[in-house]
N, C-alpha and C. Protein backbone atom coordinates (compact mmCIF):
# COMPACT_ATOMS: atom_id res chain seq x y z
N UNK A 1 60.91 177.57 58.62
CA UNK A 1 61.22 176.63 59.68
C UNK A 1 59.92 175.93 60.11
N UNK A 2 60.02 174.68 60.42
CA UNK A 2 58.87 173.86 60.79
C UNK A 2 58.53 174.04 62.28
N UNK A 3 57.23 174.08 62.61
CA UNK A 3 56.79 174.15 63.99
C UNK A 3 56.72 172.75 64.55
N UNK A 4 57.61 172.40 65.45
CA UNK A 4 57.68 171.05 66.00
C UNK A 4 56.50 170.76 66.92
N UNK A 5 55.89 171.78 67.50
CA UNK A 5 54.83 171.55 68.48
C UNK A 5 53.47 171.32 67.86
N UNK A 6 53.30 171.51 66.57
CA UNK A 6 51.99 171.43 65.95
C UNK A 6 51.36 170.04 66.12
N UNK A 7 52.08 168.98 65.84
CA UNK A 7 51.51 167.64 65.94
C UNK A 7 51.98 166.87 67.16
N UNK A 8 52.72 167.50 68.04
CA UNK A 8 53.24 166.78 69.20
C UNK A 8 52.24 166.80 70.35
N UNK A 9 52.19 165.73 71.14
CA UNK A 9 51.28 165.68 72.27
C UNK A 9 51.58 166.77 73.30
N UNK A 10 50.54 167.22 73.96
CA UNK A 10 50.68 168.21 75.03
C UNK A 10 50.82 167.48 76.36
N UNK A 11 50.84 168.23 77.44
CA UNK A 11 50.90 167.63 78.76
C UNK A 11 49.72 166.70 78.98
N UNK A 12 49.95 165.64 79.72
CA UNK A 12 48.92 164.67 80.09
C UNK A 12 48.24 164.05 78.88
N UNK A 13 48.93 163.96 77.76
CA UNK A 13 48.36 163.33 76.57
C UNK A 13 47.36 164.18 75.82
N UNK A 14 47.21 165.44 76.19
CA UNK A 14 46.25 166.31 75.51
C UNK A 14 46.82 166.80 74.19
N UNK A 15 45.98 166.80 73.17
CA UNK A 15 46.34 167.38 71.88
C UNK A 15 45.16 168.19 71.38
N UNK A 16 45.38 168.98 70.36
CA UNK A 16 44.29 169.79 69.83
C UNK A 16 43.39 168.91 68.97
N UNK A 17 42.13 169.25 68.94
CA UNK A 17 41.11 168.47 68.25
C UNK A 17 41.41 168.31 66.76
N UNK A 18 42.06 169.28 66.15
CA UNK A 18 42.35 169.19 64.71
C UNK A 18 43.42 168.15 64.40
N UNK A 19 44.07 167.57 65.40
CA UNK A 19 45.10 166.55 65.19
C UNK A 19 44.61 165.13 65.46
N UNK A 20 43.32 164.96 65.66
CA UNK A 20 42.75 163.63 65.93
C UNK A 20 42.30 163.00 64.62
N UNK A 21 42.52 161.71 64.48
CA UNK A 21 42.10 160.99 63.28
C UNK A 21 40.60 160.72 63.28
N UNK A 22 40.02 160.61 62.10
CA UNK A 22 38.61 160.29 61.94
C UNK A 22 38.30 158.96 62.62
N UNK A 23 37.10 158.88 63.21
CA UNK A 23 36.66 157.65 63.86
C UNK A 23 37.05 157.54 65.32
N UNK A 24 37.86 158.45 65.82
CA UNK A 24 38.31 158.40 67.22
C UNK A 24 37.32 159.11 68.13
N UNK A 25 37.20 158.59 69.34
CA UNK A 25 36.40 159.26 70.38
C UNK A 25 37.36 159.97 71.31
N UNK A 26 36.95 161.16 71.74
CA UNK A 26 37.80 161.98 72.60
C UNK A 26 36.98 162.60 73.72
N UNK A 27 37.69 163.01 74.76
CA UNK A 27 37.07 163.77 75.86
C UNK A 27 37.63 165.19 75.78
N UNK A 28 36.75 166.16 75.86
CA UNK A 28 37.15 167.57 75.85
C UNK A 28 37.81 167.89 77.19
N UNK A 29 39.02 168.45 77.14
CA UNK A 29 39.76 168.79 78.37
C UNK A 29 39.79 170.29 78.63
N UNK A 30 39.80 171.07 77.58
CA UNK A 30 39.88 172.51 77.77
C UNK A 30 39.76 173.25 76.46
N UNK A 31 39.60 174.56 76.58
CA UNK A 31 39.49 175.43 75.42
C UNK A 31 40.49 176.56 75.59
N UNK A 32 41.35 176.73 74.59
CA UNK A 32 42.35 177.79 74.62
C UNK A 32 41.86 178.95 73.78
N UNK A 33 41.24 179.89 74.41
CA UNK A 33 40.74 181.04 73.66
C UNK A 33 40.07 182.02 74.59
N UNK A 34 39.65 183.11 74.00
CA UNK A 34 38.98 184.16 74.76
C UNK A 34 37.53 183.82 75.07
N UNK A 35 36.86 184.78 75.70
CA UNK A 35 35.47 184.58 76.12
C UNK A 35 34.54 184.29 74.94
N UNK A 36 34.78 184.95 73.81
CA UNK A 36 33.91 184.76 72.65
C UNK A 36 33.97 183.35 72.11
N UNK A 37 35.15 182.84 71.90
CA UNK A 37 35.30 181.47 71.37
C UNK A 37 34.81 180.46 72.40
N UNK A 38 35.08 180.73 73.66
CA UNK A 38 34.64 179.83 74.73
C UNK A 38 33.11 179.74 74.74
N UNK A 39 32.43 180.89 74.67
CA UNK A 39 30.96 180.90 74.67
C UNK A 39 30.40 180.20 73.43
N UNK A 40 31.02 180.44 72.29
CA UNK A 40 30.56 179.82 71.05
C UNK A 40 30.66 178.30 71.14
N UNK A 41 31.80 177.80 71.62
CA UNK A 41 31.98 176.36 71.74
C UNK A 41 31.02 175.76 72.78
N UNK A 42 30.81 176.46 73.89
CA UNK A 42 29.86 175.98 74.89
C UNK A 42 28.46 175.87 74.29
N UNK A 43 28.08 176.83 73.46
CA UNK A 43 26.75 176.81 72.84
C UNK A 43 26.59 175.62 71.89
N UNK A 44 27.70 175.11 71.36
CA UNK A 44 27.67 173.94 70.47
C UNK A 44 27.72 172.63 71.25
N UNK A 45 27.92 172.70 72.57
CA UNK A 45 28.04 171.49 73.39
C UNK A 45 29.47 171.03 73.59
N UNK A 46 30.44 171.83 73.14
CA UNK A 46 31.85 171.51 73.32
C UNK A 46 32.24 172.03 74.71
N UNK A 47 32.02 171.18 75.69
CA UNK A 47 32.18 171.54 77.10
C UNK A 47 33.21 170.60 77.71
N UNK A 48 34.18 171.11 78.46
CA UNK A 48 35.14 170.23 79.11
C UNK A 48 34.43 169.11 79.88
N UNK A 49 34.88 167.89 79.64
CA UNK A 49 34.28 166.71 80.24
C UNK A 49 33.40 165.93 79.28
N UNK A 50 32.83 166.61 78.27
CA UNK A 50 32.00 165.93 77.29
C UNK A 50 32.84 165.05 76.38
N UNK A 51 32.22 163.98 75.88
CA UNK A 51 32.88 163.10 74.93
C UNK A 51 32.26 163.30 73.56
N UNK A 52 33.12 163.35 72.53
CA UNK A 52 32.66 163.49 71.16
C UNK A 52 33.41 162.50 70.28
N UNK A 53 32.84 162.20 69.12
CA UNK A 53 33.50 161.36 68.12
C UNK A 53 33.87 162.23 66.94
N UNK A 54 35.09 162.06 66.45
CA UNK A 54 35.52 162.77 65.25
C UNK A 54 35.05 161.95 64.06
N UNK A 55 34.05 162.46 63.34
CA UNK A 55 33.48 161.74 62.20
C UNK A 55 34.43 161.85 61.00
N UNK A 56 34.87 163.06 60.71
CA UNK A 56 35.82 163.24 59.61
C UNK A 56 36.55 164.57 59.75
N UNK A 57 37.73 164.59 59.17
CA UNK A 57 38.51 165.83 59.08
C UNK A 57 38.81 166.01 57.59
N UNK A 58 38.23 167.03 57.01
CA UNK A 58 38.38 167.26 55.58
C UNK A 58 39.78 167.77 55.27
N UNK A 59 40.32 167.34 54.14
CA UNK A 59 41.68 167.74 53.77
C UNK A 59 41.76 169.22 53.37
N UNK A 60 42.97 169.69 53.26
CA UNK A 60 43.26 171.05 52.80
C UNK A 60 42.64 172.12 53.68
N UNK A 61 42.61 171.86 54.98
CA UNK A 61 42.13 172.88 55.91
C UNK A 61 40.63 172.96 56.02
N UNK A 62 39.92 171.95 55.51
CA UNK A 62 38.46 171.94 55.59
C UNK A 62 37.98 171.70 57.01
N UNK A 63 36.67 171.63 57.19
CA UNK A 63 36.12 171.53 58.56
C UNK A 63 36.35 170.18 59.21
N UNK A 64 36.22 170.19 60.53
CA UNK A 64 36.24 168.98 61.35
C UNK A 64 34.78 168.67 61.66
N UNK A 65 34.34 167.45 61.36
CA UNK A 65 32.96 167.04 61.61
C UNK A 65 32.95 166.18 62.86
N UNK A 66 32.11 166.57 63.82
CA UNK A 66 32.03 165.89 65.11
C UNK A 66 30.64 165.32 65.33
N UNK A 67 30.57 164.25 66.12
CA UNK A 67 29.29 163.72 66.57
C UNK A 67 29.24 163.87 68.07
N UNK A 68 28.22 164.56 68.53
CA UNK A 68 27.99 164.80 69.96
C UNK A 68 26.59 164.31 70.26
N UNK A 69 26.47 163.22 71.00
CA UNK A 69 25.20 162.55 71.23
C UNK A 69 24.60 162.16 69.87
N UNK A 70 23.43 162.67 69.53
CA UNK A 70 22.80 162.33 68.25
C UNK A 70 22.95 163.44 67.21
N UNK A 71 23.83 164.38 67.46
CA UNK A 71 23.99 165.54 66.59
C UNK A 71 25.38 165.56 65.96
N UNK A 72 25.43 165.89 64.67
CA UNK A 72 26.71 166.12 64.02
C UNK A 72 26.86 167.62 63.83
N UNK A 73 28.09 168.09 64.05
CA UNK A 73 28.36 169.51 63.84
C UNK A 73 29.71 169.68 63.17
N UNK A 74 29.84 170.76 62.45
CA UNK A 74 31.08 171.07 61.75
C UNK A 74 31.72 172.29 62.41
N UNK A 75 33.03 172.25 62.51
CA UNK A 75 33.74 173.42 63.02
C UNK A 75 35.00 173.61 62.19
N UNK A 76 35.37 174.84 62.02
CA UNK A 76 36.57 175.15 61.26
C UNK A 76 37.83 174.68 61.97
N UNK A 77 38.89 174.53 61.20
CA UNK A 77 40.16 174.06 61.77
C UNK A 77 40.70 175.00 62.84
N UNK A 78 40.57 176.30 62.62
CA UNK A 78 41.07 177.26 63.60
C UNK A 78 40.40 177.09 64.94
N UNK A 79 39.09 176.88 64.92
CA UNK A 79 38.35 176.68 66.16
C UNK A 79 38.73 175.34 66.78
N UNK A 80 38.84 174.30 65.95
CA UNK A 80 39.20 172.96 66.45
C UNK A 80 40.59 172.97 67.09
N UNK A 81 41.46 173.81 66.58
CA UNK A 81 42.83 173.90 67.10
C UNK A 81 42.83 174.43 68.54
N UNK A 82 41.79 175.13 68.93
CA UNK A 82 41.71 175.71 70.28
C UNK A 82 41.14 174.74 71.31
N UNK A 83 40.63 173.60 70.85
CA UNK A 83 40.01 172.62 71.75
C UNK A 83 41.04 171.54 72.09
N UNK A 84 41.33 171.39 73.37
CA UNK A 84 42.28 170.38 73.85
C UNK A 84 41.51 169.14 74.27
N UNK A 85 41.98 167.96 73.80
CA UNK A 85 41.26 166.71 74.04
C UNK A 85 42.25 165.60 74.43
N UNK A 86 41.71 164.50 74.94
CA UNK A 86 42.45 163.26 75.12
C UNK A 86 41.67 162.17 74.43
N UNK A 87 42.39 161.25 73.76
CA UNK A 87 41.73 160.13 73.10
C UNK A 87 41.22 159.14 74.14
N UNK A 88 40.10 158.52 73.83
CA UNK A 88 39.54 157.50 74.72
C UNK A 88 39.85 156.12 74.20
């Protein structure tokens, strides 16, 4: 059975970072995860309120490449799925 909620928008237009198309700018709204994932994302600069650009999303479950200020970083799909964003 198909999961209908995977690609559907969340409340207030929020969706998970892994569902954003390449080239889009987004604002981080929240992180759905425990303390460990939250701390890891904070250490990368993925902080609610920050804006990032999605540089690319590699096919077949590959990493999501983000640009934050002058830095590019890669994160796995599972981690990106925990980050809630809104498109700008």
